[in-house]
Amino acid sequence: MEKYLILDFDSTISKVEGLDELAKKALEGDAEKDRKVKEIIELTNLGMEGAISFSESLERRIQLVSADKRIISEAAQHILDNISDSVIRNADFFRENAGKIYIISGGFVDLIVPTAEKLGIARENILANEFVFDENDCVCGVNKDNFMSQEGGKIKQINELELDQKAVMVGDGWTDCQTKECASVEKFIAFTENVRRDKVVRHADAVANDFEEVIMHLI
């Protein structure tokens, strides 16, 4: 593979949205679980569709989640069990080209690492948000110095990489589409295997219904 491949994670490599799944586990036993989970999912969608800023979506979701490292580990295992079907079919492609694949996600490193490891993608190629923990190992916030917690974070992060070749960006959300502003991103592909967001599809350079179609754009 000559070009770099930059992938979103939630609803792209994974069938699910990581923070939504974490919330479902973290809120077990909470009398307001259904309301909070529904609100978190709505905030996720608003951010992915560009209706509100990603940073606002993230901050408001984190405020609704009470999780510790044990629950995060359980959620990460659940996410590992929900890798997108076409990604599993093309696992060899990931392993063979892992050195030129980056995961740049508004999700969280701790939730992504197990899945990335299964696909052969190194930890240093995962650029995502980071939880901040208190003395009891409970989530108390996010690392706000991390580009991915900031508005325009994916653009900042890709520019920071200073890639020596062109890249193709693949994802389902508006923040993925915005990376077309990066000089090194020559094409944005809207990935629709798990969710189709009409605004994102309209502004995409191409649409892929599965990972086989993504690979065709890399040849």
N, C-alpha and C. Protein backbone atom coordinates (compact mmCIF):
# COMPACT_ATOMS: atom_id res chain seq x y z
N MET A 1 0.85 -1.20 0.00
CA MET A 1 0.00 0.00 0.00
C MET A 1 0.88 1.24 0.00
N GLU A 2 0.77 2.06 -1.02
CA GLU A 2 1.63 3.24 -1.14
C GLU A 2 1.14 4.40 -0.28
N LYS A 3 -0.16 4.56 -0.17
CA LYS A 3 -0.72 5.68 0.59
C LYS A 3 -0.91 5.30 2.06
N TYR A 4 -0.97 6.32 2.90
CA TYR A 4 -1.34 6.09 4.29
C TYR A 4 -2.86 5.94 4.35
N LEU A 5 -3.31 5.11 5.27
CA LEU A 5 -4.73 4.93 5.51
C LEU A 5 -5.04 5.39 6.92
N ILE A 6 -5.93 6.37 7.03
CA ILE A 6 -6.33 6.90 8.33
C ILE A 6 -7.78 6.50 8.57
N LEU A 7 -8.01 5.84 9.69
CA LEU A 7 -9.34 5.30 9.96
C LEU A 7 -9.94 5.87 11.23
N ASP A 8 -11.21 6.20 11.16
CA ASP A 8 -11.99 6.44 12.36
C ASP A 8 -12.18 5.08 13.04
N PHE A 9 -12.63 5.08 14.26
CA PHE A 9 -12.82 3.81 14.97
C PHE A 9 -14.29 3.47 15.19
N ASP A 10 -14.98 4.30 15.99
CA ASP A 10 -16.38 4.01 16.32
C ASP A 10 -17.24 4.03 15.07
N SER A 11 -18.06 3.00 14.90
CA SER A 11 -18.96 2.84 13.75
C SER A 11 -18.21 2.72 12.42
N THR A 12 -16.90 2.48 12.51
CA THR A 12 -16.09 2.24 11.31
C THR A 12 -15.35 0.92 11.49
N ILE A 13 -14.24 0.93 12.22
CA ILE A 13 -13.60 -0.35 12.55
C ILE A 13 -14.52 -1.17 13.45
N SER A 14 -15.17 -0.48 14.36
CA SER A 14 -16.11 -1.12 15.28
C SER A 14 -17.55 -0.87 14.82
N LYS A 15 -18.42 -1.82 15.11
CA LYS A 15 -19.83 -1.64 14.79
C LYS A 15 -20.50 -0.63 15.72
N VAL A 16 -19.91 -0.40 16.88
CA VAL A 16 -20.57 0.38 17.93
C VAL A 16 -19.81 1.67 18.23
N GLU A 17 -20.45 2.53 19.03
CA GLU A 17 -19.83 3.75 19.52
C GLU A 17 -19.30 3.47 20.92
N GLY A 18 -18.00 3.60 21.12
CA GLY A 18 -17.36 3.20 22.36
C GLY A 18 -17.92 3.83 23.61
N LEU A 19 -18.11 5.14 23.59
CA LEU A 19 -18.59 5.83 24.79
C LEU A 19 -20.03 5.45 25.10
N ASP A 20 -20.82 5.17 24.06
CA ASP A 20 -22.19 4.70 24.28
C ASP A 20 -22.17 3.35 25.00
N GLU A 21 -21.28 2.46 24.55
CA GLU A 21 -21.20 1.13 25.16
C GLU A 21 -20.66 1.22 26.59
N LEU A 22 -19.70 2.10 26.81
CA LEU A 22 -19.19 2.30 28.16
C LEU A 22 -20.29 2.80 29.09
N ALA A 23 -21.10 3.71 28.59
CA ALA A 23 -22.19 4.24 29.40
C ALA A 23 -23.18 3.16 29.82
N LYS A 24 -23.50 2.27 28.89
CA LYS A 24 -24.45 1.20 29.20
C LYS A 24 -23.96 0.34 30.35
N LYS A 25 -22.64 0.05 30.36
CA LYS A 25 -22.07 -0.76 31.43
C LYS A 25 -21.92 0.04 32.72
N ALA A 26 -21.46 1.28 32.60
CA ALA A 26 -21.20 2.10 33.78
C ALA A 26 -22.48 2.47 34.53
N LEU A 27 -23.58 2.54 33.80
CA LEU A 27 -24.83 2.99 34.41
C LEU A 27 -25.72 1.85 34.89
N GLU A 28 -25.21 0.62 34.87
CA GLU A 28 -25.99 -0.50 35.39
C GLU A 28 -26.38 -0.22 36.84
N GLY A 29 -27.66 -0.38 37.12
CA GLY A 29 -28.13 -0.13 38.48
C GLY A 29 -28.55 1.31 38.74
N ASP A 30 -28.22 2.20 37.82
CA ASP A 30 -28.64 3.61 37.96
C ASP A 30 -30.11 3.73 37.58
N ALA A 31 -30.90 4.31 38.47
CA ALA A 31 -32.34 4.43 38.22
C ALA A 31 -32.64 5.25 36.98
N GLU A 32 -31.69 6.10 36.57
CA GLU A 32 -31.89 6.95 35.40
C GLU A 32 -31.10 6.45 34.19
N LYS A 33 -30.72 5.17 34.22
CA LYS A 33 -29.88 4.63 33.15
C LYS A 33 -30.48 4.86 31.77
N ASP A 34 -31.74 4.51 31.56
CA ASP A 34 -32.34 4.61 30.23
C ASP A 34 -32.31 6.04 29.72
N ARG A 35 -32.63 6.99 30.58
CA ARG A 35 -32.63 8.39 30.17
C ARG A 35 -31.23 8.86 29.83
N LYS A 36 -30.26 8.50 30.67
CA LYS A 36 -28.89 8.95 30.45
C LYS A 36 -28.29 8.33 29.20
N VAL A 37 -28.51 7.04 29.00
CA VAL A 37 -27.98 6.37 27.82
C VAL A 37 -28.58 6.98 26.56
N LYS A 38 -29.89 7.23 26.59
CA LYS A 38 -30.55 7.85 25.44
C LYS A 38 -29.95 9.22 25.15
N GLU A 39 -29.70 10.00 26.19
CA GLU A 39 -29.13 11.33 26.01
C GLU A 39 -27.71 11.24 25.45
N ILE A 40 -26.93 10.28 25.93
CA ILE A 40 -25.56 10.10 25.44
C ILE A 40 -25.57 9.73 23.96
N ILE A 41 -26.45 8.82 23.58
CA ILE A 41 -26.55 8.42 22.17
C ILE A 41 -26.95 9.61 21.30
N GLU A 42 -27.90 10.41 21.79
CA GLU A 42 -28.33 11.59 21.04
C GLU A 42 -27.18 12.58 20.88
N LEU A 43 -26.38 12.77 21.94
CA LEU A 43 -25.24 13.68 21.87
C LEU A 43 -24.17 13.15 20.92
N THR A 44 -23.98 11.83 20.92
CA THR A 44 -23.04 11.22 19.97
C THR A 44 -23.46 11.54 18.54
N ASN A 45 -24.72 11.31 18.24
CA ASN A 45 -25.21 11.54 16.88
C ASN A 45 -25.14 13.01 16.49
N LEU A 46 -25.47 13.90 17.41
CA LEU A 46 -25.40 15.33 17.11
C LEU A 46 -23.97 15.75 16.76
N GLY A 47 -23.01 15.19 17.50
CA GLY A 47 -21.61 15.49 17.21
C GLY A 47 -21.16 14.90 15.89
N MET A 48 -21.55 13.65 15.62
CA MET A 48 -21.14 12.98 14.39
C MET A 48 -21.75 13.62 13.14
N GLU A 49 -22.93 14.20 13.30
CA GLU A 49 -23.60 14.85 12.18
C GLU A 49 -23.20 16.31 12.02
N GLY A 50 -22.41 16.82 12.97
CA GLY A 50 -21.97 18.21 12.90
C GLY A 50 -23.00 19.21 13.37
N ALA A 51 -24.05 18.72 14.07
CA ALA A 51 -25.10 19.62 14.57
C ALA A 51 -24.61 20.42 15.77
N ILE A 52 -23.70 19.83 16.56
CA ILE A 52 -23.01 20.54 17.63
C ILE A 52 -21.53 20.21 17.49
N SER A 53 -20.68 21.00 18.13
CA SER A 53 -19.24 20.75 18.01
C SER A 53 -18.88 19.44 18.70
N PHE A 54 -17.81 18.81 18.21
CA PHE A 54 -17.40 17.55 18.82
C PHE A 54 -17.00 17.77 20.28
N SER A 55 -16.30 18.87 20.57
CA SER A 55 -15.85 19.11 21.94
C SER A 55 -17.04 19.25 22.89
N GLU A 56 -18.11 19.90 22.44
CA GLU A 56 -19.30 20.01 23.28
C GLU A 56 -19.95 18.66 23.48
N SER A 57 -20.05 17.89 22.41
CA SER A 57 -20.62 16.54 22.49
C SER A 57 -19.84 15.69 23.49
N LEU A 58 -18.52 15.74 23.41
CA LEU A 58 -17.68 14.92 24.28
C LEU A 58 -17.84 15.33 25.74
N GLU A 59 -17.76 16.61 26.01
CA GLU A 59 -17.84 17.10 27.39
C GLU A 59 -19.17 16.74 28.04
N ARG A 60 -20.25 16.91 27.29
CA ARG A 60 -21.57 16.63 27.84
C ARG A 60 -21.78 15.14 28.07
N ARG A 61 -21.19 14.30 27.22
CA ARG A 61 -21.32 12.85 27.40
C ARG A 61 -20.53 12.37 28.61
N ILE A 62 -19.30 12.88 28.77
CA ILE A 62 -18.46 12.47 29.88
C ILE A 62 -19.13 12.80 31.22
N GLN A 63 -19.84 13.92 31.27
CA GLN A 63 -20.51 14.32 32.50
C GLN A 63 -21.60 13.33 32.92
N LEU A 64 -22.09 12.55 31.95
CA LEU A 64 -23.17 11.60 32.24
C LEU A 64 -22.66 10.19 32.57
N VAL A 65 -21.36 9.97 32.41
CA VAL A 65 -20.79 8.64 32.60
C VAL A 65 -19.97 8.59 33.89
N SER A 66 -20.20 7.56 34.68
CA SER A 66 -19.40 7.32 35.88
C SER A 66 -18.78 5.94 35.73
N ALA A 67 -17.49 5.89 35.40
CA ALA A 67 -16.84 4.61 35.10
C ALA A 67 -15.48 4.53 35.77
N ASP A 68 -15.06 3.31 36.07
CA ASP A 68 -13.71 3.10 36.58
C ASP A 68 -12.95 2.19 35.60
N LYS A 69 -11.70 1.89 35.91
CA LYS A 69 -10.86 1.13 34.98
C LYS A 69 -11.41 -0.27 34.72
N ARG A 70 -12.04 -0.87 35.72
CA ARG A 70 -12.60 -2.21 35.53
C ARG A 70 -13.72 -2.18 34.50
N ILE A 71 -14.60 -1.20 34.62
CA ILE A 71 -15.72 -1.09 33.68
C ILE A 71 -15.21 -0.76 32.29
N ILE A 72 -14.19 0.08 32.22
CA ILE A 72 -13.60 0.42 30.92
C ILE A 72 -13.05 -0.84 30.25
N SER A 73 -12.38 -1.69 31.02
CA SER A 73 -11.84 -2.93 30.48
C SER A 73 -12.95 -3.84 29.96
N GLU A 74 -14.06 -3.91 30.68
CA GLU A 74 -15.19 -4.73 30.24
C GLU A 74 -15.80 -4.17 28.95
N ALA A 75 -15.90 -2.84 28.88
CA ALA A 75 -16.45 -2.22 27.66
C ALA A 75 -15.52 -2.44 26.48
N ALA A 76 -14.21 -2.39 26.72
CA ALA A 76 -13.23 -2.61 25.64
C ALA A 76 -13.35 -4.03 25.09
N GLN A 77 -13.61 -4.99 25.97
CA GLN A 77 -13.78 -6.37 25.52
C GLN A 77 -15.05 -6.52 24.68
N HIS A 78 -16.11 -5.83 25.10
CA HIS A 78 -17.36 -5.85 24.33
C HIS A 78 -17.14 -5.25 22.93
N ILE A 79 -16.38 -4.17 22.87
CA ILE A 79 -16.08 -3.54 21.58
C ILE A 79 -15.25 -4.48 20.71
N LEU A 80 -14.29 -5.17 21.33
CA LEU A 80 -13.48 -6.15 20.61
C LEU A 80 -14.35 -7.23 19.98
N ASP A 81 -15.43 -7.57 20.63
CA ASP A 81 -16.35 -8.59 20.12
C ASP A 81 -17.29 -8.05 19.05
N ASN A 82 -17.17 -6.75 18.75
CA ASN A 82 -18.06 -6.12 17.77
C ASN A 82 -17.30 -5.39 16.68
N ILE A 83 -16.22 -6.01 16.20
CA ILE A 83 -15.50 -5.46 15.05
C ILE A 83 -16.39 -5.58 13.81
N SER A 84 -16.36 -4.58 12.97
CA SER A 84 -17.17 -4.59 11.75
C SER A 84 -16.89 -5.83 10.92
N ASP A 85 -17.94 -6.40 10.36
CA ASP A 85 -17.82 -7.67 9.64
C ASP A 85 -16.77 -7.62 8.53
N SER A 86 -16.78 -6.54 7.74
CA SER A 86 -15.85 -6.49 6.60
C SER A 86 -14.42 -6.24 7.05
N VAL A 87 -14.25 -5.64 8.23
CA VAL A 87 -12.90 -5.48 8.78
C VAL A 87 -12.35 -6.85 9.18
N ILE A 88 -13.17 -7.67 9.80
CA ILE A 88 -12.74 -9.03 10.15
C ILE A 88 -12.37 -9.81 8.89
N ARG A 89 -13.18 -9.67 7.85
CA ARG A 89 -12.88 -10.40 6.61
C ARG A 89 -11.54 -9.99 6.02
N ASN A 90 -11.12 -8.77 6.29
CA ASN A 90 -9.88 -8.25 5.72
C ASN A 90 -8.80 -8.04 6.78
N ALA A 91 -8.83 -8.85 7.82
CA ALA A 91 -7.85 -8.72 8.90
C ALA A 91 -6.42 -8.86 8.39
N ASP A 92 -6.21 -9.72 7.40
CA ASP A 92 -4.86 -9.89 6.85
C ASP A 92 -4.35 -8.60 6.21
N PHE A 93 -5.25 -7.85 5.57
CA PHE A 93 -4.86 -6.57 4.97
C PHE A 93 -4.33 -5.62 6.05
N PHE A 94 -5.01 -5.59 7.19
CA PHE A 94 -4.58 -4.72 8.28
C PHE A 94 -3.20 -5.14 8.78
N ARG A 95 -3.01 -6.41 9.01
CA ARG A 95 -1.72 -6.90 9.54
C ARG A 95 -0.58 -6.66 8.56
N GLU A 96 -0.86 -6.83 7.27
CA GLU A 96 0.18 -6.67 6.26
C GLU A 96 0.56 -5.20 6.05
N ASN A 97 -0.38 -4.29 6.34
CA ASN A 97 -0.14 -2.87 6.07
C ASN A 97 -0.16 -2.01 7.34
N ALA A 98 -0.03 -2.65 8.49
CA ALA A 98 -0.20 -1.96 9.77
C ALA A 98 0.71 -0.74 9.94
N GLY A 99 1.89 -0.79 9.35
CA GLY A 99 2.83 0.32 9.50
C GLY A 99 2.35 1.61 8.85
N LYS A 100 1.41 1.51 7.91
CA LYS A 100 0.91 2.70 7.22
C LYS A 100 -0.55 2.99 7.55
N ILE A 101 -1.03 2.38 8.63
CA ILE A 101 -2.42 2.60 9.06
C ILE A 101 -2.43 3.33 10.40
N TYR A 102 -3.20 4.40 10.45
CA TYR A 102 -3.42 5.13 11.70
C TYR A 102 -4.89 5.07 12.08
N ILE A 103 -5.15 4.94 13.36
CA ILE A 103 -6.51 5.13 13.89
C ILE A 103 -6.52 6.50 14.54
N ILE A 104 -7.30 7.40 13.99
CA ILE A 104 -7.44 8.75 14.56
C ILE A 104 -8.91 8.92 14.91
N SER A 105 -9.17 8.94 16.20
CA SER A 105 -10.56 8.80 16.66
C SER A 105 -10.88 9.75 17.82
N GLY A 106 -12.12 10.18 17.83
CA GLY A 106 -12.62 10.95 18.97
C GLY A 106 -12.98 10.05 20.13
N GLY A 107 -12.83 8.72 19.92
CA GLY A 107 -13.05 7.76 21.00
C GLY A 107 -11.86 7.77 21.95
N PHE A 108 -11.75 6.72 22.75
CA PHE A 108 -10.74 6.69 23.81
C PHE A 108 -9.75 5.54 23.63
N VAL A 109 -8.48 5.86 23.84
CA VAL A 109 -7.41 4.89 23.65
C VAL A 109 -7.70 3.59 24.39
N ASP A 110 -8.11 3.69 25.65
CA ASP A 110 -8.32 2.49 26.47
C ASP A 110 -9.39 1.57 25.89
N LEU A 111 -10.33 2.13 25.14
CA LEU A 111 -11.39 1.34 24.54
C LEU A 111 -10.99 0.78 23.17
N ILE A 112 -9.97 1.36 22.58
CA ILE A 112 -9.56 1.01 21.22
C ILE A 112 -8.43 -0.02 21.18
N VAL A 113 -7.50 0.04 22.14
CA VAL A 113 -6.28 -0.77 22.09
C VAL A 113 -6.51 -2.26 21.86
N PRO A 114 -7.43 -2.93 22.58
CA PRO A 114 -7.59 -4.37 22.35
C PRO A 114 -7.94 -4.72 20.90
N THR A 115 -8.83 -3.93 20.30
CA THR A 115 -9.21 -4.17 18.91
C THR A 115 -8.05 -3.89 17.97
N ALA A 116 -7.34 -2.80 18.21
CA ALA A 116 -6.19 -2.46 17.37
C ALA A 116 -5.13 -3.55 17.44
N GLU A 117 -4.88 -4.07 18.64
CA GLU A 117 -3.89 -5.14 18.79
C GLU A 117 -4.28 -6.37 17.98
N LYS A 118 -5.56 -6.70 17.97
CA LYS A 118 -6.01 -7.85 17.20
C LYS A 118 -5.75 -7.66 15.71
N LEU A 119 -5.78 -6.40 15.26
CA LEU A 119 -5.56 -6.10 13.85
C LEU A 119 -4.09 -5.81 13.53
N GLY A 120 -3.24 -5.88 14.55
CA GLY A 120 -1.82 -5.67 14.33
C GLY A 120 -1.39 -4.22 14.30
N ILE A 121 -2.26 -3.31 14.71
CA ILE A 121 -1.95 -1.87 14.68
C ILE A 121 -1.27 -1.47 15.99
N ALA A 122 -0.10 -0.86 15.89
CA ALA A 122 0.70 -0.52 17.07
C ALA A 122 0.05 0.59 17.89
N ARG A 123 0.35 0.59 19.18
CA ARG A 123 -0.20 1.61 20.09
C ARG A 123 0.15 3.01 19.62
N GLU A 124 1.36 3.21 19.10
CA GLU A 124 1.76 4.56 18.69
C GLU A 124 0.99 5.05 17.47
N ASN A 125 0.30 4.17 16.78
CA ASN A 125 -0.51 4.57 15.63
C ASN A 125 -1.98 4.78 16.01
N ILE A 126 -2.27 4.76 17.30
CA ILE A 126 -3.61 5.06 17.80
C ILE A 126 -3.59 6.46 18.39
N LEU A 127 -4.26 7.37 17.76
CA LEU A 127 -4.31 8.76 18.21
C LEU A 127 -5.76 9.07 18.57
N ALA A 128 -6.04 9.07 19.86
CA ALA A 128 -7.41 9.19 20.34
C ALA A 128 -7.42 9.87 21.69
N ASN A 129 -8.61 10.09 22.21
CA ASN A 129 -8.77 10.74 23.51
C ASN A 129 -8.24 9.87 24.64
N GLU A 130 -7.95 10.55 25.76
CA GLU A 130 -7.43 9.86 26.95
C GLU A 130 -8.26 10.23 28.17
N PHE A 131 -8.68 9.22 28.91
CA PHE A 131 -9.38 9.47 30.16
C PHE A 131 -8.41 10.03 31.21
N VAL A 132 -8.94 10.85 32.09
CA VAL A 132 -8.21 11.28 33.29
C VAL A 132 -8.89 10.59 34.47
N PHE A 133 -8.09 9.98 35.35
CA PHE A 133 -8.62 9.22 36.48
C PHE A 133 -8.31 9.91 37.80
N ASP A 134 -9.18 9.69 38.79
CA ASP A 134 -8.91 10.19 40.14
C ASP A 134 -8.16 9.12 40.93
N GLU A 135 -7.98 9.36 42.23
CA GLU A 135 -7.19 8.44 43.05
C GLU A 135 -7.86 7.08 43.24
N ASN A 136 -9.16 7.00 42.89
CA ASN A 136 -9.89 5.73 43.00
C ASN A 136 -10.03 5.02 41.64
N ASP A 137 -9.27 5.48 40.66
CA ASP A 137 -9.30 4.91 39.30
C ASP A 137 -10.64 5.11 38.62
N CYS A 138 -11.33 6.17 39.00
CA CYS A 138 -12.60 6.52 38.35
C CYS A 138 -12.37 7.67 37.38
N VAL A 139 -13.08 7.65 36.27
CA VAL A 139 -12.95 8.71 35.28
C VAL A 139 -13.44 10.03 35.87
N CYS A 140 -12.61 11.05 35.77
CA CYS A 140 -13.01 12.37 36.27
C CYS A 140 -12.91 13.43 35.18
N GLY A 141 -12.54 13.01 33.96
CA GLY A 141 -12.46 13.96 32.86
C GLY A 141 -11.67 13.40 31.70
N VAL A 142 -11.30 14.28 30.78
CA VAL A 142 -10.48 13.88 29.63
C VAL A 142 -9.25 14.78 29.58
N ASN A 143 -8.21 14.30 28.94
CA ASN A 143 -6.99 15.07 28.77
C ASN A 143 -7.25 16.18 27.74
N LYS A 144 -7.39 17.40 28.22
CA LYS A 144 -7.73 18.51 27.33
C LYS A 144 -6.54 19.02 26.52
N ASP A 145 -5.34 18.52 26.83
CA ASP A 145 -4.18 18.88 26.03
C ASP A 145 -4.08 18.01 24.78
N ASN A 146 -4.82 16.93 24.78
CA ASN A 146 -4.86 16.02 23.63
C ASN A 146 -5.65 16.68 22.50
N PHE A 147 -5.08 16.70 21.30
CA PHE A 147 -5.76 17.32 20.16
C PHE A 147 -7.18 16.80 19.99
N MET A 148 -7.37 15.49 20.26
CA MET A 148 -8.64 14.87 19.95
C MET A 148 -9.78 15.32 20.84
N SER A 149 -9.47 16.01 21.93
CA SER A 149 -10.53 16.55 22.79
C SER A 149 -10.95 17.95 22.35
N GLN A 150 -10.27 18.48 21.35
CA GLN A 150 -10.46 19.86 20.93
C GLN A 150 -11.25 19.94 19.62
N GLU A 151 -11.87 21.07 19.40
CA GLU A 151 -12.54 21.30 18.13
C GLU A 151 -11.50 21.29 17.01
N GLY A 152 -11.82 20.57 15.93
CA GLY A 152 -10.88 20.44 14.82
C GLY A 152 -9.71 19.53 15.16
N GLY A 153 -9.91 18.66 16.14
CA GLY A 153 -8.81 17.84 16.64
C GLY A 153 -8.21 16.90 15.60
N LYS A 154 -9.04 16.32 14.75
CA LYS A 154 -8.50 15.38 13.75
C LYS A 154 -7.63 16.12 12.74
N ILE A 155 -8.03 17.32 12.37
CA ILE A 155 -7.23 18.12 11.45
C ILE A 155 -5.88 18.46 12.09
N LYS A 156 -5.91 18.89 13.35
CA LYS A 156 -4.67 19.23 14.05
C LYS A 156 -3.76 18.01 14.15
N GLN A 157 -4.35 16.87 14.47
CA GLN A 157 -3.56 15.67 14.66
C GLN A 157 -2.91 15.19 13.36
N ILE A 158 -3.67 15.21 12.29
CA ILE A 158 -3.12 14.78 11.00
C ILE A 158 -2.01 15.73 10.55
N ASN A 159 -2.23 17.02 10.71
CA ASN A 159 -1.18 17.98 10.34
C ASN A 159 0.08 17.77 11.17
N GLU A 160 -0.10 17.40 12.43
CA GLU A 160 1.04 17.17 13.33
C GLU A 160 1.88 15.98 12.87
N LEU A 161 1.26 15.00 12.20
CA LEU A 161 1.99 13.82 11.75
C LEU A 161 3.00 14.14 10.65
N GLU A 162 2.72 15.18 9.86
CA GLU A 162 3.60 15.57 8.76
C GLU A 162 3.94 14.36 7.89
N LEU A 163 2.90 13.72 7.38
CA LEU A 163 3.07 12.51 6.57
C LEU A 163 3.86 12.81 5.31
N ASP A 164 4.70 11.85 4.94
CA ASP A 164 5.55 12.04 3.77
C ASP A 164 4.91 11.55 2.47
N GLN A 165 3.67 11.03 2.58
CA GLN A 165 2.91 10.62 1.40
C GLN A 165 1.45 11.00 1.63
N LYS A 166 0.67 10.95 0.57
CA LYS A 166 -0.75 11.28 0.68
C LYS A 166 -1.48 10.22 1.49
N ALA A 167 -2.61 10.62 2.05
CA ALA A 167 -3.41 9.72 2.88
C ALA A 167 -4.86 9.69 2.41
N VAL A 168 -5.51 8.59 2.70
CA VAL A 168 -6.95 8.46 2.49
C VAL A 168 -7.60 8.35 3.87
N MET A 169 -8.61 9.16 4.11
CA MET A 169 -9.34 9.15 5.38
C MET A 169 -10.64 8.39 5.21
N VAL A 170 -10.94 7.50 6.15
CA VAL A 170 -12.17 6.71 6.10
C VAL A 170 -12.90 6.83 7.43
N GLY A 171 -14.18 7.19 7.38
CA GLY A 171 -14.96 7.29 8.61
C GLY A 171 -16.41 7.56 8.32
N ASP A 172 -17.19 7.63 9.38
CA ASP A 172 -18.63 7.80 9.23
C ASP A 172 -19.12 9.16 9.67
N GLY A 173 -18.26 9.98 10.30
CA GLY A 173 -18.72 11.21 10.93
C GLY A 173 -18.27 12.49 10.26
N TRP A 174 -18.84 13.59 10.72
CA TRP A 174 -18.54 14.90 10.16
C TRP A 174 -17.09 15.31 10.43
N THR A 175 -16.55 14.94 11.60
CA THR A 175 -15.16 15.29 11.89
C THR A 175 -14.21 14.56 10.95
N ASP A 176 -14.61 13.40 10.45
CA ASP A 176 -13.80 12.69 9.45
C ASP A 176 -13.82 13.44 8.12
N CYS A 177 -15.01 13.89 7.75
CA CYS A 177 -15.16 14.64 6.51
C CYS A 177 -14.33 15.93 6.53
N GLN A 178 -14.26 16.56 7.69
CA GLN A 178 -13.53 17.82 7.82
C GLN A 178 -12.03 17.67 7.53
N THR A 179 -11.51 16.45 7.62
CA THR A 179 -10.07 16.26 7.41
C THR A 179 -9.65 16.52 5.97
N LYS A 180 -10.61 16.71 5.08
CA LYS A 180 -10.26 17.09 3.71
C LYS A 180 -9.52 18.42 3.68
N GLU A 181 -9.60 19.17 4.77
CA GLU A 181 -8.86 20.43 4.86
C GLU A 181 -7.36 20.21 4.98
N CYS A 182 -6.96 19.01 5.37
CA CYS A 182 -5.53 18.70 5.53
C CYS A 182 -4.87 18.52 4.17
N ALA A 183 -3.72 19.11 4.01
CA ALA A 183 -3.01 19.02 2.74
C ALA A 183 -2.65 17.58 2.40
N SER A 184 -2.41 16.76 3.42
CA SER A 184 -1.98 15.38 3.17
C SER A 184 -3.13 14.42 2.89
N VAL A 185 -4.37 14.85 3.12
CA VAL A 185 -5.52 13.98 2.86
C VAL A 185 -6.04 14.25 1.45
N GLU A 186 -5.87 13.27 0.58
CA GLU A 186 -6.28 13.47 -0.80
C GLU A 186 -7.71 13.03 -1.06
N LYS A 187 -8.27 12.22 -0.15
CA LYS A 187 -9.62 11.71 -0.37
C LYS A 187 -10.26 11.34 0.96
N PHE A 188 -11.54 11.69 1.11
CA PHE A 188 -12.32 11.23 2.25
C PHE A 188 -13.38 10.26 1.77
N ILE A 189 -13.39 9.07 2.37
CA ILE A 189 -14.38 8.05 2.04
C ILE A 189 -15.36 7.89 3.19
N ALA A 190 -16.64 8.10 2.91
CA ALA A 190 -17.68 7.90 3.91
C ALA A 190 -17.95 6.40 4.03
N PHE A 191 -17.79 5.87 5.24
CA PHE A 191 -17.96 4.44 5.48
C PHE A 191 -19.38 4.21 6.02
N THR A 192 -20.16 3.41 5.30
CA THR A 192 -21.59 3.30 5.63
C THR A 192 -22.01 1.89 6.02
N GLU A 193 -21.07 1.01 6.30
CA GLU A 193 -21.45 -0.36 6.67
C GLU A 193 -22.31 -0.40 7.93
N ASN A 194 -22.01 0.45 8.90
CA ASN A 194 -22.71 0.41 10.18
C ASN A 194 -23.73 1.52 10.36
N VAL A 195 -23.43 2.69 9.82
CA VAL A 195 -24.37 3.81 9.92
C VAL A 195 -24.14 4.73 8.72
N ARG A 196 -25.21 5.27 8.21
CA ARG A 196 -25.14 6.19 7.06
C ARG A 196 -25.64 7.55 7.50
N ARG A 197 -24.76 8.53 7.45
CA ARG A 197 -25.13 9.90 7.83
C ARG A 197 -25.19 10.71 6.53
N ASP A 198 -26.38 11.16 6.18
CA ASP A 198 -26.59 11.77 4.87
C ASP A 198 -25.71 12.98 4.61
N LYS A 199 -25.54 13.82 5.64
CA LYS A 199 -24.71 15.03 5.45
C LYS A 199 -23.27 14.63 5.13
N VAL A 200 -22.76 13.61 5.79
CA VAL A 200 -21.39 13.16 5.57
C VAL A 200 -21.26 12.57 4.17
N VAL A 201 -22.23 11.76 3.77
CA VAL A 201 -22.20 11.13 2.44
C VAL A 201 -22.21 12.19 1.34
N ARG A 202 -23.02 13.22 1.53
CA ARG A 202 -23.13 14.27 0.50
C ARG A 202 -21.80 14.98 0.27
N HIS A 203 -20.99 15.11 1.30
CA HIS A 203 -19.74 15.86 1.18
C HIS A 203 -18.52 14.96 0.98
N ALA A 204 -18.73 13.67 0.89
CA ALA A 204 -17.61 12.74 0.74
C ALA A 204 -17.10 12.71 -0.70
N ASP A 205 -15.84 12.32 -0.87
CA ASP A 205 -15.28 12.12 -2.20
C ASP A 205 -15.70 10.78 -2.77
N ALA A 206 -16.00 9.84 -1.87
CA ALA A 206 -16.45 8.50 -2.27
C ALA A 206 -17.19 7.88 -1.09
N VAL A 207 -17.95 6.84 -1.39
CA VAL A 207 -18.71 6.12 -0.36
C VAL A 207 -18.33 4.65 -0.43
N ALA A 208 -18.09 4.05 0.73
CA ALA A 208 -17.78 2.62 0.79
C ALA A 208 -18.77 1.94 1.72
N ASN A 209 -19.44 0.92 1.21
CA ASN A 209 -20.40 0.18 2.02
C ASN A 209 -19.73 -0.91 2.85
N ASP A 210 -18.48 -1.22 2.54
CA ASP A 210 -17.73 -2.21 3.30
C ASP A 210 -16.24 -1.97 3.07
N PHE A 211 -15.40 -2.74 3.75
CA PHE A 211 -13.97 -2.47 3.65
C PHE A 211 -13.38 -2.94 2.32
N GLU A 212 -14.03 -3.89 1.68
CA GLU A 212 -13.57 -4.28 0.34
C GLU A 212 -13.59 -3.08 -0.60
N GLU A 213 -14.61 -2.25 -0.48
CA GLU A 213 -14.70 -1.06 -1.34
C GLU A 213 -13.64 -0.03 -0.95
N VAL A 214 -13.29 0.03 0.32
CA VAL A 214 -12.21 0.92 0.74
C VAL A 214 -10.91 0.51 0.05
N ILE A 215 -10.61 -0.78 0.09
CA ILE A 215 -9.37 -1.29 -0.50
C ILE A 215 -9.28 -0.95 -1.99
N MET A 216 -10.40 -0.97 -2.67
CA MET A 216 -10.40 -0.63 -4.09
C MET A 216 -9.90 0.78 -4.34
N HIS A 217 -10.14 1.69 -3.40
CA HIS A 217 -9.69 3.07 -3.56
C HIS A 217 -8.21 3.23 -3.24
N LEU A 218 -7.60 2.20 -2.67
CA LEU A 218 -6.19 2.28 -2.28
C LEU A 218 -5.26 1.68 -3.32
N ILE A 219 -5.84 1.00 -4.30
CA ILE A 219 -5.04 0.32 -5.32
C ILE A 219 -4.48 1.33 -6.33
